[in-house]
Amino acid sequence: MKQLFLYSCFLFVFLRLHGVAHAQGHERPVNGDPGFSVLVFSKTAGFRHDSIPDGIAVIEQLGADHDFSVVATEDDAVFSDDSLANYAVVVFLNTSGTVLDDGEKAAFMRYIEGGGGFVGIHSATDTEYDWPWYGQLVGAFFQSHPDIQQATVDVVDQQHPSTIDLPALWVRTDEWYNFQTNPRGSVHVLAVLDETTYDGGTMGDHPISWCQEFDNGRSWYTAMGHTQQTYYEPLYQSHILGGIQYAAGVAAGDCQAVSR
C-alpha cells in the first residue's frame, strides 16, 4: 500500500508538471508557428525596381526560417484599421510615388500611433513626398544617386539587431542614395557611407541606415536594396531580418536619436 501511495503521488506530480510545461509551451511561438505577421507592401507609382520579387521572396524565406508569417501585396486597400490590425510590421519594399489615398494614410497613422512597426527598404524614401508625417516616419526623402558602384559602409552601431552581424567596415555594391535632408538628430543612425570610397556622395555626413521610436511605434530604414543580387547577400539578409524583428518589438534595440 505504501508503494502504491508513493507511486500515485509521483504520478500526480509528474502529470501536474507535464501539464504546466505543456501549457507554458503554447504561450510562446513553437517551431513552425508564426510568432508575428508582416505585411510587405511594394506598390509603385514612380520608378519600379526589378528587385521587388527578389525582396519579397527573401523576406518570405526569412519568415519561414525565423517563425513569422509574410503577406505580400500591392493592393493599397489593405491600409484599413481592420486589415492593419493583423500585422506587427508593415514593410515598404521599394515603393515609389504616391501610393495611398487620404483615408489609407489616416489608417496607417493610427496603426503606428497604436504601436505598429514600420520597415522602409531603399526607395521607401522615394515615396509620398507630399506627406510630411510619412517623411518623419521614414526619416528622410530621396534626392539623387550616382551610378551603382562599390562603397564602404561604416557600421557605427554594432549592437542593434540589424547590425550586430555586420563588420565594422562593410564593403559592398549598391545604388547609394543622397537625401534631401540629413536625418541625424531625429533618428538613431546605425550606419553611414564613407563618401571617400565612391563617387557621387553629396552629404558629407551620410547616414545610410537608421531607426527611431516614432508616434508610439517603431521605425527602421535602410537605403540599401536596389539590386537583385543584394537580397541574396547573407549579411544583407541579416540586416533586414534584424530591422523587421526590431520593428515587430521582438528584438530590443537602442533607437534613441543622438546628434552625433
Protein backbone atom coordinates (compact mmCIF):
# COMPACT_ATOMS: atom_id res chain seq x y z
CA MET A 1 0.00 0.00 0.00
CA LYS A 2 2.83 2.36 0.83
CA GLN A 3 4.45 1.71 -2.55
CA LEU A 4 1.11 2.28 -4.30
CA PHE A 5 0.64 5.55 -2.39
CA LEU A 6 4.12 6.76 -3.31
CA TYR A 7 3.58 5.79 -6.95
CA SER A 8 0.27 7.68 -7.02
CA CYS A 9 1.94 10.77 -5.56
CA PHE A 10 4.74 10.54 -8.14
CA LEU A 11 2.24 10.16 -10.99
CA PHE A 12 0.20 13.14 -9.74
CA VAL A 13 3.27 15.38 -9.52
CA PHE A 14 4.52 14.22 -12.93
CA LEU A 15 1.20 14.93 -14.62
CA ARG A 16 0.93 18.34 -12.94
CA LEU A 17 4.43 19.32 -14.04
CA HIS A 18 3.90 17.99 -17.54
CA GLY A 19 0.64 19.90 -17.80
CA VAL A 20 2.31 23.15 -16.69
CA ALA A 21 5.18 22.70 -19.11
CA HIS A 22 2.76 21.89 -21.93
CA ALA A 23 0.66 24.96 -21.21
CA GLN A 24 3.69 27.22 -20.96
CA GLY A 25 4.99 25.86 -24.26
CA HIS A 26 1.87 27.15 -26.00
CA GLU A 27 2.19 30.63 -24.53
CA ARG A 28 5.02 31.43 -26.92
CA PRO A 29 5.64 30.54 -30.57
CA VAL A 30 6.68 26.97 -31.26
CA ASN A 31 8.70 25.83 -34.23
CA GLY A 32 6.67 26.20 -37.41
CA ASP A 33 4.11 28.60 -35.94
CA PRO A 34 4.39 32.30 -36.80
CA GLY A 35 5.25 34.50 -33.86
CA PHE A 36 4.01 37.59 -35.67
CA SER A 37 2.84 38.68 -39.11
CA VAL A 38 4.50 41.01 -41.61
CA LEU A 39 2.83 42.90 -44.46
CA VAL A 40 5.17 43.56 -47.39
CA PHE A 41 3.83 46.44 -49.50
CA SER A 42 5.51 47.12 -52.84
CA LYS A 43 3.14 49.35 -54.82
CA THR A 44 4.88 51.78 -57.17
CA ALA A 45 3.62 54.97 -58.80
CA GLY A 46 7.08 56.03 -60.00
CA PHE A 47 10.25 54.10 -60.72
CA ARG A 48 9.80 50.33 -60.35
CA HIS A 49 12.72 48.20 -59.17
CA ASP A 50 13.15 44.83 -60.83
CA SER A 51 14.44 43.53 -57.48
CA ILE A 52 10.98 43.68 -55.85
CA PRO A 53 10.20 39.97 -56.49
CA ASP A 54 13.61 39.05 -55.05
CA GLY A 55 12.96 41.13 -51.96
CA ILE A 56 9.58 39.51 -51.42
CA ALA A 57 10.99 36.01 -51.88
CA VAL A 58 13.82 36.63 -49.43
CA ILE A 59 11.55 38.15 -46.76
CA GLU A 60 9.20 35.19 -47.16
CA GLN A 61 12.14 32.82 -46.66
CA LEU A 62 13.33 34.77 -43.62
CA GLY A 63 9.83 34.42 -42.21
CA ALA A 64 9.84 30.66 -42.79
CA ASP A 65 13.25 30.37 -41.12
CA HIS A 66 12.50 32.66 -38.17
CA ASP A 67 8.87 31.94 -37.35
CA PHE A 68 6.94 34.90 -38.72
CA SER A 69 4.34 34.93 -41.46
CA VAL A 70 4.52 37.16 -44.52
CA VAL A 71 1.79 38.58 -46.74
CA ALA A 72 2.92 40.47 -49.84
CA THR A 73 0.58 42.83 -51.70
CA GLU A 74 0.38 45.89 -53.92
CA ASP A 75 -3.29 46.46 -53.08
CA ASP A 76 -3.45 49.67 -51.06
CA ALA A 77 -6.93 48.73 -49.81
CA VAL A 78 -5.14 46.74 -47.09
CA PHE A 79 -4.48 50.09 -45.36
CA SER A 80 -7.58 50.00 -43.21
CA ASP A 81 -7.87 49.69 -39.44
CA ASP A 82 -9.19 46.14 -39.59
CA SER A 83 -6.59 44.86 -42.05
CA LEU A 84 -3.55 46.53 -40.49
CA ALA A 85 -4.50 45.13 -37.09
CA ASN A 86 -3.37 41.73 -38.37
CA TYR A 87 0.27 42.81 -38.71
CA ALA A 88 3.08 43.61 -36.31
CA VAL A 89 5.15 45.22 -39.09
CA VAL A 90 4.45 46.92 -42.41
CA VAL A 91 7.38 46.82 -44.85
CA PHE A 92 7.54 49.40 -47.64
CA LEU A 93 9.69 47.45 -50.11
CA ASN A 94 10.93 49.69 -52.93
CA THR A 95 7.70 51.65 -53.07
CA SER A 96 7.67 54.87 -55.09
CA GLY A 97 5.45 57.88 -55.66
CA THR A 98 2.04 58.44 -54.10
CA VAL A 99 0.69 55.02 -53.13
CA LEU A 100 -2.03 55.73 -50.52
CA ASP A 101 -5.16 57.87 -50.53
CA ASP A 102 -6.17 60.13 -47.64
CA GLY A 103 -8.26 57.52 -45.84
CA GLU A 104 -5.50 54.92 -46.14
CA LYS A 105 -2.96 57.41 -44.84
CA ALA A 106 -5.13 58.10 -41.81
CA ALA A 107 -5.43 54.36 -41.09
CA PHE A 108 -1.66 53.93 -41.36
CA MET A 109 -1.08 56.81 -38.96
CA ARG A 110 -3.47 55.22 -36.45
CA TYR A 111 -1.63 51.91 -36.88
CA ILE A 112 1.73 53.47 -35.98
CA GLU A 113 0.19 55.50 -33.14
CA GLY A 114 -1.21 52.23 -31.81
CA GLY A 115 2.28 50.74 -31.54
CA GLY A 116 2.76 49.26 -35.01
CA GLY A 117 6.12 48.72 -36.69
CA PHE A 118 7.44 50.15 -39.96
CA VAL A 119 10.36 48.97 -42.12
CA GLY A 120 11.45 51.00 -45.13
CA ILE A 121 13.73 49.49 -47.75
CA HIS A 122 15.65 51.54 -50.36
CA SER A 123 13.11 53.59 -52.33
CA ALA A 124 10.70 53.79 -49.43
CA THR A 125 12.28 57.26 -49.21
CA ASP A 126 11.18 57.89 -52.84
CA THR A 127 7.57 57.67 -51.71
CA GLU A 128 4.82 60.08 -50.57
CA TYR A 129 6.82 63.31 -50.92
CA ASP A 130 3.77 65.45 -50.15
CA TRP A 131 3.04 63.71 -46.84
CA PRO A 132 5.14 65.32 -44.06
CA TRP A 133 4.17 62.70 -41.45
CA TYR A 134 5.47 59.93 -43.66
CA GLY A 135 8.70 61.84 -44.23
CA GLN A 136 9.22 61.92 -40.47
CA LEU A 137 8.35 58.22 -40.16
CA VAL A 138 10.81 57.08 -42.84
CA GLY A 139 13.39 59.67 -41.73
CA ALA A 140 14.29 61.47 -44.97
CA PHE A 141 13.33 61.82 -48.62
CA PHE A 142 15.45 60.70 -51.58
CA GLN A 143 17.26 63.37 -53.60
CA SER A 144 19.65 61.71 -56.08
CA HIS A 145 22.06 58.85 -56.65
CA PRO A 146 25.20 58.18 -58.68
CA ASP A 147 25.81 55.04 -60.75
CA ILE A 148 25.78 51.69 -58.98
CA GLN A 149 29.23 51.08 -57.52
CA GLN A 150 31.19 49.66 -54.62
CA ALA A 151 31.45 51.69 -51.41
CA THR A 152 32.32 51.23 -47.76
CA VAL A 153 29.62 51.37 -45.12
CA ASP A 154 30.82 52.35 -41.65
CA VAL A 155 28.65 50.44 -39.19
CA VAL A 156 28.60 52.81 -36.23
CA ASP A 157 26.21 50.79 -34.04
CA GLN A 158 27.11 47.11 -33.94
CA GLN A 159 24.76 46.31 -31.05
CA HIS A 160 21.41 46.77 -32.81
CA PRO A 161 19.82 43.51 -34.01
CA SER A 162 20.02 44.74 -37.61
CA THR A 163 23.76 45.41 -37.45
CA ILE A 164 25.11 43.02 -34.84
CA ASP A 165 26.30 40.55 -37.52
CA LEU A 166 27.84 43.20 -39.77
CA PRO A 167 31.54 44.05 -39.97
CA ALA A 168 32.60 47.48 -38.73
CA LEU A 169 33.56 48.34 -42.32
CA TRP A 170 31.13 46.73 -44.73
CA VAL A 171 32.30 46.86 -48.36
CA ARG A 172 29.54 46.19 -50.87
CA THR A 173 27.94 47.31 -54.13
CA ASP A 174 24.61 49.13 -54.36
CA GLU A 175 22.88 52.29 -55.57
CA TRP A 176 23.83 54.87 -52.97
CA TYR A 177 21.15 57.41 -52.15
CA ASN A 178 21.71 61.04 -51.30
CA PHE A 179 18.89 62.54 -49.22
CA GLN A 180 17.19 65.94 -49.24
CA THR A 181 17.97 66.38 -45.55
CA ASN A 182 20.29 64.69 -43.07
CA PRO A 183 18.13 62.72 -40.61
CA ARG A 184 20.76 62.75 -37.86
CA GLY A 185 19.37 64.28 -34.70
CA SER A 186 15.88 62.96 -35.43
CA VAL A 187 16.82 59.28 -35.78
CA HIS A 188 19.34 56.85 -34.34
CA VAL A 189 21.99 56.33 -37.03
CA LEU A 190 23.12 52.72 -37.44
CA ALA A 191 25.44 53.02 -40.44
CA VAL A 192 26.97 55.78 -42.59
CA LEU A 193 28.56 55.85 -46.01
CA ASP A 194 32.22 56.72 -46.36
CA GLU A 195 31.99 59.17 -49.26
CA THR A 196 35.74 58.92 -49.87
CA THR A 197 35.27 55.34 -51.08
CA TYR A 198 32.98 56.06 -54.05
CA ASP A 199 31.98 58.81 -56.49
CA GLY A 200 28.79 60.84 -56.19
CA GLY A 201 28.19 61.36 -52.49
CA THR A 202 26.88 64.85 -51.70
CA MET A 203 26.15 64.81 -47.97
CA GLY A 204 29.50 64.62 -46.17
CA ASP A 205 28.00 63.09 -43.03
CA HIS A 206 25.97 60.42 -44.81
CA PRO A 207 23.63 58.16 -42.79
CA ILE A 208 22.51 55.15 -44.82
CA SER A 209 20.59 53.09 -42.23
CA TRP A 210 18.75 54.24 -39.11
CA CYS A 211 15.94 53.56 -36.67
CA GLN A 212 13.69 55.51 -34.33
CA GLU A 213 10.80 55.31 -31.92
CA PHE A 214 8.04 57.28 -33.59
CA ASP A 215 4.45 58.11 -32.52
CA ASN A 216 4.32 55.11 -30.14
CA GLY A 217 5.58 52.81 -32.90
CA ARG A 218 8.98 51.69 -34.18
CA SER A 219 10.57 52.65 -37.50
CA TRP A 220 13.63 51.14 -39.21
CA TYR A 221 15.08 52.11 -42.60
CA THR A 222 17.91 51.04 -44.85
CA ALA A 223 18.76 52.78 -48.13
CA MET A 224 20.47 49.62 -49.35
CA GLY A 225 18.44 47.28 -51.52
CA HIS A 226 18.48 48.37 -55.17
CA THR A 227 19.93 45.36 -56.98
CA GLN A 228 18.57 41.85 -57.28
CA GLN A 229 21.90 40.48 -56.04
CA THR A 230 21.66 42.49 -52.83
CA TYR A 231 18.82 40.34 -51.48
CA TYR A 232 20.91 37.17 -51.69
CA GLU A 233 23.80 38.54 -49.64
CA PRO A 234 23.76 36.78 -46.24
CA LEU A 235 24.87 39.95 -44.42
CA TYR A 236 22.13 41.98 -46.08
CA GLN A 237 19.56 39.35 -45.15
CA SER A 238 20.74 39.57 -41.53
CA HIS A 239 20.45 43.37 -41.78
CA ILE A 240 16.80 43.39 -42.86
CA LEU A 241 15.88 40.49 -40.58
CA GLY A 242 17.09 42.45 -37.56
CA GLY A 243 15.21 45.51 -38.78
CA ILE A 244 11.98 43.53 -39.06
CA GLN A 245 12.45 41.95 -35.64
CA TYR A 246 13.17 45.33 -34.07
CA ALA A 247 10.11 46.91 -35.71
CA ALA A 248 7.97 43.99 -34.53
CA GLY A 249 9.14 44.57 -30.96
CA VAL A 250 10.60 41.05 -30.58
CA ALA A 251 14.25 42.21 -30.62
CA ALA A 252 15.42 45.10 -28.47
CA GLY A 253 17.49 47.91 -29.95
CA ASP A 254 18.58 51.35 -28.80
CA CYS A 255 16.96 53.73 -31.25
CA GLN A 256 17.16 56.97 -29.30
CA ALA A 257 18.21 59.86 -31.52
CA VAL A 258 21.66 61.36 -30.97
CA SER A 259 23.24 64.39 -32.60
CA ARG A 260 26.50 62.60 -33.48
